[in-house]
């Protein structure tokens, strides 16, 4: 449902749902809602 509603190009990937403050993920500028495709 999200793929169609959000207009994503990829139907596969890992959805980022949460990022902890001060974590390596936050320092890499990952944000909730992004989809990691590679």
ModelCIF file with pLDDT and N, C-alpha, C, O atoms, coordinates in Angstrom:
data_MODEL
#
_entry.id   MODEL 
#
_entity.id                         1 
_entity.type                       polymer 
_entity.pdbx_number_of_molecules   1 
#
_entity_poly.entity_id                      1 
_entity_poly.type                           'polypeptide(L)' 
_entity_poly.nstd_linkage                   no 
_entity_poly.nstd_monomer                   no 
_entity_poly.pdbx_seq_one_letter_code       
;(UNK)(UNK)(UNK)(UNK)(UNK)(UNK)(UNK)(UNK)(UNK)(UNK)(UNK)(UNK)(UNK)(UNK)(UNK)(UNK)
(UNK)(UNK)(UNK)(UNK)(UNK)(UNK)(UNK)(UNK)(UNK)(UNK)(UNK)(UNK)(UNK)(UNK)(UNK)(UNK)
(UNK)(UNK)(UNK)(UNK)(UNK)(UNK)
;
_entity_poly.pdbx_seq_one_letter_code_can   XXXXXXXXXXXXXXXXXXXXXXXXXXXXXXXXXXXXXX 
_entity_poly.pdbx_strand_id                 A 
#
loop_
_entity_poly_seq.entity_id 
_entity_poly_seq.num 
_entity_poly_seq.mon_id 
_entity_poly_seq.hetero 
1 1  UNK n 
1 2  UNK n 
1 3  UNK n 
1 4  UNK n 
1 5  UNK n 
1 6  UNK n 
1 7  UNK n 
1 8  UNK n 
1 9  UNK n 
1 10 UNK n 
1 11 UNK n 
1 12 UNK n 
1 13 UNK n 
1 14 UNK n 
1 15 UNK n 
1 16 UNK n 
1 17 UNK n 
1 18 UNK n 
1 19 UNK n 
1 20 UNK n 
1 21 UNK n 
1 22 UNK n 
1 23 UNK n 
1 24 UNK n 
1 25 UNK n 
1 26 UNK n 
1 27 UNK n 
1 28 UNK n 
1 29 UNK n 
1 30 UNK n 
1 31 UNK n 
1 32 UNK n 
1 33 UNK n 
1 34 UNK n 
1 35 UNK n 
1 36 UNK n 
1 37 UNK n 
1 38 UNK n 
#
_struct_asym.id          A 
_struct_asym.entity_id   1 
#
loop_
_ma_qa_metric.id 
_ma_qa_metric.mode 
_ma_qa_metric.name 
_ma_qa_metric.software_group_id 
_ma_qa_metric.type 
1 global pLDDT . pLDDT 
2 local  pLDDT . pLDDT 
#
_ma_qa_metric_global.metric_id      1 
_ma_qa_metric_global.metric_value   81.55 
_ma_qa_metric_global.model_id       1 
_ma_qa_metric_global.ordinal_id     1 
#
loop_
_ma_qa_metric_local.label_asym_id 
_ma_qa_metric_local.label_comp_id 
_ma_qa_metric_local.label_seq_id 
_ma_qa_metric_local.metric_id 
_ma_qa_metric_local.metric_value 
_ma_qa_metric_local.model_id 
_ma_qa_metric_local.ordinal_id 
A UNK 1  2 61.00 1 1  
A UNK 2  2 64.00 1 2  
A UNK 3  2 68.00 1 3  
A UNK 4  2 63.00 1 4  
A UNK 5  2 61.00 1 5  
A UNK 6  2 63.00 1 6  
A UNK 7  2 66.00 1 7  
A UNK 8  2 73.00 1 8  
A UNK 9  2 76.00 1 9  
A UNK 10 2 75.00 1 10 
A UNK 11 2 79.00 1 11 
A UNK 12 2 85.00 1 12 
A UNK 13 2 88.00 1 13 
A UNK 14 2 89.00 1 14 
A UNK 15 2 87.00 1 15 
A UNK 16 2 88.00 1 16 
A UNK 17 2 83.00 1 17 
A UNK 18 2 81.00 1 18 
A UNK 19 2 82.00 1 19 
A UNK 20 2 82.00 1 20 
A UNK 21 2 77.00 1 21 
A UNK 22 2 77.00 1 22 
A UNK 23 2 83.00 1 23 
A UNK 24 2 90.00 1 24 
A UNK 25 2 90.00 1 25 
A UNK 26 2 89.00 1 26 
A UNK 27 2 90.00 1 27 
A UNK 28 2 92.00 1 28 
A UNK 29 2 92.00 1 29 
A UNK 30 2 92.00 1 30 
A UNK 31 2 89.00 1 31 
A UNK 32 2 85.00 1 32 
A UNK 33 2 82.00 1 33 
A UNK 34 2 88.00 1 34 
A UNK 35 2 90.00 1 35 
A UNK 36 2 93.00 1 36 
A UNK 37 2 92.00 1 37 
A UNK 38 2 94.00 1 38 
#
loop_
_atom_site.group_PDB 
_atom_site.id 
_atom_site.type_symbol 
_atom_site.label_atom_id 
_atom_site.label_alt_id 
_atom_site.label_comp_id 
_atom_site.label_asym_id 
_atom_site.label_entity_id 
_atom_site.label_seq_id 
_atom_site.pdbx_PDB_ins_code 
_atom_site.Cartn_x 
_atom_site.Cartn_y 
_atom_site.Cartn_z 
_atom_site.occupancy 
_atom_site.B_iso_or_equiv 
_atom_site.pdbx_formal_charge 
_atom_site.auth_seq_id 
_atom_site.auth_comp_id 
_atom_site.auth_asym_id 
_atom_site.auth_atom_id 
_atom_site.pdbx_PDB_model_num 
ATOM 1   N N  . UNK A 1 1  ? 0.830  -1.214 0.000  1.00 61.00 ? 1  UNK A N  1 
ATOM 2   C CA . UNK A 1 1  ? 0.000  0.000  0.000  1.00 61.00 ? 1  UNK A CA 1 
ATOM 3   C C  . UNK A 1 1  ? 0.849  1.241  0.000  1.00 61.00 ? 1  UNK A C  1 
ATOM 4   O O  . UNK A 1 1  ? 0.508  2.240  -0.633 1.00 61.00 ? 1  UNK A O  1 
ATOM 5   N N  . UNK A 1 2  ? 1.969  1.179  0.719  1.00 64.00 ? 2  UNK A N  1 
ATOM 6   C CA . UNK A 1 2  ? 2.838  2.336  0.803  1.00 64.00 ? 2  UNK A CA 1 
ATOM 7   C C  . UNK A 1 2  ? 3.517  2.607  -0.533 1.00 64.00 ? 2  UNK A C  1 
ATOM 8   O O  . UNK A 1 2  ? 3.685  3.759  -0.933 1.00 64.00 ? 2  UNK A O  1 
ATOM 9   N N  . UNK A 1 3  ? 3.906  1.525  -1.224 1.00 68.00 ? 3  UNK A N  1 
ATOM 10  C CA . UNK A 1 3  ? 4.589  1.696  -2.516 1.00 68.00 ? 3  UNK A CA 1 
ATOM 11  C C  . UNK A 1 3  ? 3.718  2.506  -3.465 1.00 68.00 ? 3  UNK A C  1 
ATOM 12  O O  . UNK A 1 3  ? 4.201  3.425  -4.126 1.00 68.00 ? 3  UNK A O  1 
ATOM 13  N N  . UNK A 1 4  ? 2.444  2.169  -3.533 1.00 63.00 ? 4  UNK A N  1 
ATOM 14  C CA . UNK A 1 4  ? 1.558  2.877  -4.463 1.00 63.00 ? 4  UNK A CA 1 
ATOM 15  C C  . UNK A 1 4  ? 1.215  4.268  -3.965 1.00 63.00 ? 4  UNK A C  1 
ATOM 16  O O  . UNK A 1 4  ? 1.200  5.218  -4.748 1.00 63.00 ? 4  UNK A O  1 
ATOM 17  N N  . UNK A 1 5  ? 0.937  4.403  -2.674 1.00 61.00 ? 5  UNK A N  1 
ATOM 18  C CA . UNK A 1 5  ? 0.527  5.712  -2.154 1.00 61.00 ? 5  UNK A CA 1 
ATOM 19  C C  . UNK A 1 5  ? 1.669  6.713  -2.156 1.00 61.00 ? 5  UNK A C  1 
ATOM 20  O O  . UNK A 1 5  ? 1.459  7.902  -2.395 1.00 61.00 ? 5  UNK A O  1 
ATOM 21  N N  . UNK A 1 6  ? 2.901  6.226  -1.884 1.00 63.00 ? 6  UNK A N  1 
ATOM 22  C CA . UNK A 1 6  ? 4.037  7.141  -1.811 1.00 63.00 ? 6  UNK A CA 1 
ATOM 23  C C  . UNK A 1 6  ? 4.695  7.363  -3.164 1.00 63.00 ? 6  UNK A C  1 
ATOM 24  O O  . UNK A 1 6  ? 5.567  8.221  -3.293 1.00 63.00 ? 6  UNK A O  1 
ATOM 25  N N  . UNK A 1 7  ? 4.285  6.592  -4.183 1.00 66.00 ? 7  UNK A N  1 
ATOM 26  C CA . UNK A 1 7  ? 4.875  6.758  -5.492 1.00 66.00 ? 7  UNK A CA 1 
ATOM 27  C C  . UNK A 1 7  ? 6.315  6.303  -5.566 1.00 66.00 ? 7  UNK A C  1 
ATOM 28  O O  . UNK A 1 7  ? 7.120  6.894  -6.286 1.00 66.00 ? 7  UNK A O  1 
ATOM 29  N N  . UNK A 1 8  ? 6.650  5.245  -4.819 1.00 73.00 ? 8  UNK A N  1 
ATOM 30  C CA . UNK A 1 8  ? 8.020  4.744  -4.823 1.00 73.00 ? 8  UNK A CA 1 
ATOM 31  C C  . UNK A 1 8  ? 8.322  4.012  -6.124 1.00 73.00 ? 8  UNK A C  1 
ATOM 32  O O  . UNK A 1 8  ? 7.452  3.352  -6.692 1.00 73.00 ? 8  UNK A O  1 
ATOM 33  N N  . UNK A 1 9  ? 9.562  4.134  -6.590 1.00 76.00 ? 9  UNK A N  1 
ATOM 34  C CA . UNK A 1 9  ? 9.984  3.447  -7.809 1.00 76.00 ? 9  UNK A CA 1 
ATOM 35  C C  . UNK A 1 9  ? 10.245 1.969  -7.539 1.00 76.00 ? 9  UNK A C  1 
ATOM 36  O O  . UNK A 1 9  ? 10.050 1.126  -8.415 1.00 76.00 ? 9  UNK A O  1 
ATOM 37  N N  . UNK A 1 10 ? 10.691 1.660  -6.313 1.00 75.00 ? 10 UNK A N  1 
ATOM 38  C CA . UNK A 1 10 ? 11.049 0.295  -5.979 1.00 75.00 ? 10 UNK A CA 1 
ATOM 39  C C  . UNK A 1 10 ? 9.966  -0.351 -5.130 1.00 75.00 ? 10 UNK A C  1 
ATOM 40  O O  . UNK A 1 10 ? 9.415  0.264  -4.217 1.00 75.00 ? 10 UNK A O  1 
ATOM 41  N N  . UNK A 1 11 ? 9.672  -1.623 -5.459 1.00 79.00 ? 11 UNK A N  1 
ATOM 42  C CA . UNK A 1 11 ? 8.697  -2.369 -4.670 1.00 79.00 ? 11 UNK A CA 1 
ATOM 43  C C  . UNK A 1 11 ? 9.387  -3.219 -3.610 1.00 79.00 ? 11 UNK A C  1 
ATOM 44  O O  . UNK A 1 11 ? 8.722  -3.896 -2.826 1.00 79.00 ? 11 UNK A O  1 
ATOM 45  N N  . UNK A 1 12 ? 10.710 -3.187 -3.583 1.00 85.00 ? 12 UNK A N  1 
ATOM 46  C CA . UNK A 1 12 ? 11.477 -3.950 -2.604 1.00 85.00 ? 12 UNK A CA 1 
ATOM 47  C C  . UNK A 1 12 ? 12.469 -3.031 -1.910 1.00 85.00 ? 12 UNK A C  1 
ATOM 48  O O  . UNK A 1 12 ? 12.914 -2.032 -2.476 1.00 85.00 ? 12 UNK A O  1 
ATOM 49  N N  . UNK A 1 13 ? 12.812 -3.386 -0.663 1.00 88.00 ? 13 UNK A N  1 
ATOM 50  C CA . UNK A 1 13 ? 13.768 -2.590 0.096  1.00 88.00 ? 13 UNK A CA 1 
ATOM 51  C C  . UNK A 1 13 ? 13.494 -2.694 1.579  1.00 88.00 ? 13 UNK A C  1 
ATOM 52  O O  . UNK A 1 13 ? 12.629 -3.459 2.007  1.00 88.00 ? 13 UNK A O  1 
ATOM 53  N N  . UNK A 1 14 ? 14.225 -1.930 2.360  1.00 89.00 ? 14 UNK A N  1 
ATOM 54  C CA . UNK A 1 14 ? 14.066 -1.904 3.813  1.00 89.00 ? 14 UNK A CA 1 
ATOM 55  C C  . UNK A 1 14 ? 13.599 -0.518 4.226  1.00 89.00 ? 14 UNK A C  1 
ATOM 56  O O  . UNK A 1 14 ? 14.310 0.466  4.019  1.00 89.00 ? 14 UNK A O  1 
ATOM 57  N N  . UNK A 1 15 ? 12.432 -0.437 4.796  1.00 87.00 ? 15 UNK A N  1 
ATOM 58  C CA . UNK A 1 15 ? 11.871 0.835  5.226  1.00 87.00 ? 15 UNK A CA 1 
ATOM 59  C C  . UNK A 1 15 ? 12.457 1.245  6.562  1.00 87.00 ? 15 UNK A C  1 
ATOM 60  O O  . UNK A 1 15 ? 12.411 0.470  7.517  1.00 87.00 ? 15 UNK A O  1 
ATOM 61  N N  . UNK A 1 16 ? 13.004 2.437  6.652  1.00 88.00 ? 16 UNK A N  1 
ATOM 62  C CA . UNK A 1 16 ? 13.498 2.988  7.914  1.00 88.00 ? 16 UNK A CA 1 
ATOM 63  C C  . UNK A 1 16 ? 12.296 3.508  8.696  1.00 88.00 ? 16 UNK A C  1 
ATOM 64  O O  . UNK A 1 16 ? 11.626 4.444  8.262  1.00 88.00 ? 16 UNK A O  1 
ATOM 65  N N  . UNK A 1 17 ? 12.025 2.899  9.850  1.00 83.00 ? 17 UNK A N  1 
ATOM 66  C CA . UNK A 1 17 ? 10.865 3.290  10.655 1.00 83.00 ? 17 UNK A CA 1 
ATOM 67  C C  . UNK A 1 17 ? 11.221 4.160  11.848 1.00 83.00 ? 17 UNK A C  1 
ATOM 68  O O  . UNK A 1 17 ? 10.377 4.900  12.353 1.00 83.00 ? 17 UNK A O  1 
ATOM 69  N N  . UNK A 1 18 ? 12.482 4.074  12.309 1.00 81.00 ? 18 UNK A N  1 
ATOM 70  C CA . UNK A 1 18 ? 12.887 4.884  13.454 1.00 81.00 ? 18 UNK A CA 1 
ATOM 71  C C  . UNK A 1 18 ? 14.405 4.997  13.472 1.00 81.00 ? 18 UNK A C  1 
ATOM 72  O O  . UNK A 1 18 ? 15.105 4.067  13.070 1.00 81.00 ? 18 UNK A O  1 
ATOM 73  N N  . UNK A 1 19 ? 14.915 6.133  13.936 1.00 82.00 ? 19 UNK A N  1 
ATOM 74  C CA . UNK A 1 19 ? 16.345 6.372  14.057 1.00 82.00 ? 19 UNK A CA 1 
ATOM 75  C C  . UNK A 1 19 ? 16.616 6.955  15.431 1.00 82.00 ? 19 UNK A C  1 
ATOM 76  O O  . UNK A 1 19 ? 16.008 7.954  15.816 1.00 82.00 ? 19 UNK A O  1 
ATOM 77  N N  . UNK A 1 20 ? 17.532 6.333  16.175 1.00 82.00 ? 20 UNK A N  1 
ATOM 78  C CA . UNK A 1 20 ? 17.827 6.794  17.527 1.00 82.00 ? 20 UNK A CA 1 
ATOM 79  C C  . UNK A 1 20 ? 18.685 8.046  17.501 1.00 82.00 ? 20 UNK A C  1 
ATOM 80  O O  . UNK A 1 20 ? 19.633 8.128  16.720 1.00 82.00 ? 20 UNK A O  1 
ATOM 81  N N  . UNK A 1 21 ? 18.368 9.028  18.347 1.00 77.00 ? 21 UNK A N  1 
ATOM 82  C CA . UNK A 1 21 ? 19.191 10.245 18.420 1.00 77.00 ? 21 UNK A CA 1 
ATOM 83  C C  . UNK A 1 21 ? 20.628 9.922  18.797 1.00 77.00 ? 21 UNK A C  1 
ATOM 84  O O  . UNK A 1 21 ? 20.865 9.133  19.713 1.00 77.00 ? 21 UNK A O  1 
ATOM 85  N N  . UNK A 1 22 ? 21.584 10.519 18.105 1.00 77.00 ? 22 UNK A N  1 
ATOM 86  C CA . UNK A 1 22 ? 22.994 10.335 18.411 1.00 77.00 ? 22 UNK A CA 1 
ATOM 87  C C  . UNK A 1 22 ? 23.583 9.037  17.913 1.00 77.00 ? 22 UNK A C  1 
ATOM 88  O O  . UNK A 1 22 ? 24.749 8.755  18.186 1.00 77.00 ? 22 UNK A O  1 
ATOM 89  N N  . UNK A 1 23 ? 22.813 8.229  17.189 1.00 83.00 ? 23 UNK A N  1 
ATOM 90  C CA . UNK A 1 23 ? 23.277 6.922  16.728 1.00 83.00 ? 23 UNK A CA 1 
ATOM 91  C C  . UNK A 1 23 ? 24.053 7.049  15.415 1.00 83.00 ? 23 UNK A C  1 
ATOM 92  O O  . UNK A 1 23 ? 23.977 8.087  14.757 1.00 83.00 ? 23 UNK A O  1 
ATOM 93  N N  . UNK A 1 24 ? 24.809 5.993  15.019 1.00 90.00 ? 24 UNK A N  1 
ATOM 94  C CA . UNK A 1 24 ? 25.468 6.006  13.711 1.00 90.00 ? 24 UNK A CA 1 
ATOM 95  C C  . UNK A 1 24 ? 24.487 6.235  12.566 1.00 90.00 ? 24 UNK A C  1 
ATOM 96  O O  . UNK A 1 24 ? 24.828 6.882  11.576 1.00 90.00 ? 24 UNK A O  1 
ATOM 97  N N  . UNK A 1 25 ? 23.262 5.705  12.697 1.00 90.00 ? 25 UNK A N  1 
ATOM 98  C CA . UNK A 1 25 ? 22.266 5.904  11.646 1.00 90.00 ? 25 UNK A CA 1 
ATOM 99  C C  . UNK A 1 25 ? 21.895 7.378  11.508 1.00 90.00 ? 25 UNK A C  1 
ATOM 100 O O  . UNK A 1 25 ? 21.735 7.877  10.395 1.00 90.00 ? 25 UNK A O  1 
ATOM 101 N N  . UNK A 1 26 ? 21.757 8.073  12.635 1.00 89.00 ? 26 UNK A N  1 
ATOM 102 C CA . UNK A 1 26 ? 21.438 9.503  12.561 1.00 89.00 ? 26 UNK A CA 1 
ATOM 103 C C  . UNK A 1 26 ? 22.603 10.288 11.963 1.00 89.00 ? 26 UNK A C  1 
ATOM 104 O O  . UNK A 1 26 ? 22.403 11.222 11.186 1.00 89.00 ? 26 UNK A O  1 
ATOM 105 N N  . UNK A 1 27 ? 23.839 9.890  12.344 1.00 90.00 ? 27 UNK A N  1 
ATOM 106 C CA . UNK A 1 27 ? 25.002 10.585 11.786 1.00 90.00 ? 27 UNK A CA 1 
ATOM 107 C C  . UNK A 1 27 ? 25.140 10.351 10.284 1.00 90.00 ? 27 UNK A C  1 
ATOM 108 O O  . UNK A 1 27 ? 25.749 11.154 9.577  1.00 90.00 ? 27 UNK A O  1 
ATOM 109 N N  . UNK A 1 28 ? 24.566 9.239  9.799  1.00 92.00 ? 28 UNK A N  1 
ATOM 110 C CA . UNK A 1 28 ? 24.581 8.973  8.358  1.00 92.00 ? 28 UNK A CA 1 
ATOM 111 C C  . UNK A 1 28 ? 23.420 9.664  7.650  1.00 92.00 ? 28 UNK A C  1 
ATOM 112 O O  . UNK A 1 28 ? 23.227 9.483  6.448  1.00 92.00 ? 28 UNK A O  1 
ATOM 113 N N  . UNK A 1 29 ? 22.652 10.450 8.387  1.00 92.00 ? 29 UNK A N  1 
ATOM 114 C CA . UNK A 1 29 ? 21.524 11.204 7.841  1.00 92.00 ? 29 UNK A CA 1 
ATOM 115 C C  . UNK A 1 29 ? 20.413 10.292 7.323  1.00 92.00 ? 29 UNK A C  1 
ATOM 116 O O  . UNK A 1 29 ? 19.716 10.625 6.365  1.00 92.00 ? 29 UNK A O  1 
ATOM 117 N N  . UNK A 1 30 ? 20.259 9.126  7.980  1.00 92.00 ? 30 UNK A N  1 
ATOM 118 C CA . UNK A 1 30 ? 19.088 8.303  7.700  1.00 92.00 ? 30 UNK A CA 1 
ATOM 119 C C  . UNK A 1 30 ? 17.901 8.855  8.479  1.00 92.00 ? 30 UNK A C  1 
ATOM 120 O O  . UNK A 1 30 ? 18.037 9.292  9.621  1.00 92.00 ? 30 UNK A O  1 
ATOM 121 N N  . UNK A 1 31 ? 16.738 8.827  7.840  1.00 89.00 ? 31 UNK A N  1 
ATOM 122 C CA . UNK A 1 31 ? 15.536 9.382  8.471  1.00 89.00 ? 31 UNK A CA 1 
ATOM 123 C C  . UNK A 1 31 ? 14.368 8.421  8.273  1.00 89.00 ? 31 UNK A C  1 
ATOM 124 O O  . UNK A 1 31 ? 14.309 7.701  7.276  1.00 89.00 ? 31 UNK A O  1 
ATOM 125 N N  . UNK A 1 32 ? 13.432 8.415  9.236  1.00 85.00 ? 32 UNK A N  1 
ATOM 126 C CA . UNK A 1 32 ? 12.238 7.585  9.066  1.00 85.00 ? 32 UNK A CA 1 
ATOM 127 C C  . UNK A 1 32 ? 11.523 7.939  7.770  1.00 85.00 ? 32 UNK A C  1 
ATOM 128 O O  . UNK A 1 32 ? 11.376 9.112  7.425  1.00 85.00 ? 32 UNK A O  1 
ATOM 129 N N  . UNK A 1 33 ? 11.080 6.905  7.057  1.00 82.00 ? 33 UNK A N  1 
ATOM 130 C CA . UNK A 1 33 ? 10.403 7.109  5.779  1.00 82.00 ? 33 UNK A CA 1 
ATOM 131 C C  . UNK A 1 33 ? 11.281 6.816  4.592  1.00 82.00 ? 33 UNK A C  1 
ATOM 132 O O  . UNK A 1 33 ? 10.780 6.544  3.501  1.00 82.00 ? 33 UNK A O  1 
ATOM 133 N N  . UNK A 1 34 ? 12.586 6.866  4.784  1.00 88.00 ? 34 UNK A N  1 
ATOM 134 C CA . UNK A 1 34 ? 13.489 6.488  3.698  1.00 88.00 ? 34 UNK A CA 1 
ATOM 135 C C  . UNK A 1 34 ? 13.415 4.977  3.466  1.00 88.00 ? 34 UNK A C  1 
ATOM 136 O O  . UNK A 1 34 ? 13.133 4.205  4.382  1.00 88.00 ? 34 UNK A O  1 
ATOM 137 N N  . UNK A 1 35 ? 13.674 4.578  2.220  1.00 90.00 ? 35 UNK A N  1 
ATOM 138 C CA . UNK A 1 35 ? 13.716 3.161  1.876  1.00 90.00 ? 35 UNK A CA 1 
ATOM 139 C C  . UNK A 1 35 ? 15.109 2.838  1.358  1.00 90.00 ? 35 UNK A C  1 
ATOM 140 O O  . UNK A 1 35 ? 15.551 3.402  0.357  1.00 90.00 ? 35 UNK A O  1 
ATOM 141 N N  . UNK A 1 36 ? 15.799 1.932  2.039  1.00 93.00 ? 36 UNK A N  1 
ATOM 142 C CA . UNK A 1 36 ? 17.131 1.523  1.607  1.00 93.00 ? 36 UNK A CA 1 
ATOM 143 C C  . UNK A 1 36 ? 16.964 0.477  0.510  1.00 93.00 ? 36 UNK A C  1 
ATOM 144 O O  . UNK A 1 36 ? 16.417 -0.599 0.753  1.00 93.00 ? 36 UNK A O  1 
ATOM 145 N N  . UNK A 1 37 ? 17.436 0.792  -0.703 1.00 92.00 ? 37 UNK A N  1 
ATOM 146 C CA . UNK A 1 37 ? 17.249 -0.099 -1.845 1.00 92.00 ? 37 UNK A CA 1 
ATOM 147 C C  . UNK A 1 37 ? 18.552 -0.776 -2.267 1.00 92.00 ? 37 UNK A C  1 
ATOM 148 O O  . UNK A 1 37 ? 18.527 -1.778 -2.983 1.00 92.00 ? 37 UNK A O  1 
ATOM 149 N N  . UNK A 1 38 ? 19.716 -0.221 -1.818 1.00 94.00 ? 38 UNK A N  1 
ATOM 150 C CA . UNK A 1 38 ? 20.996 -0.840 -2.139 1.00 94.00 ? 38 UNK A CA 1 
ATOM 151 C C  . UNK A 1 38 ? 21.932 -0.715 -0.941 1.00 94.00 ? 38 UNK A C  1 
ATOM 152 O O  . UNK A 1 38 ? 23.073 -1.174 -0.998 1.00 94.00 ? 38 UNK A O  1 
#
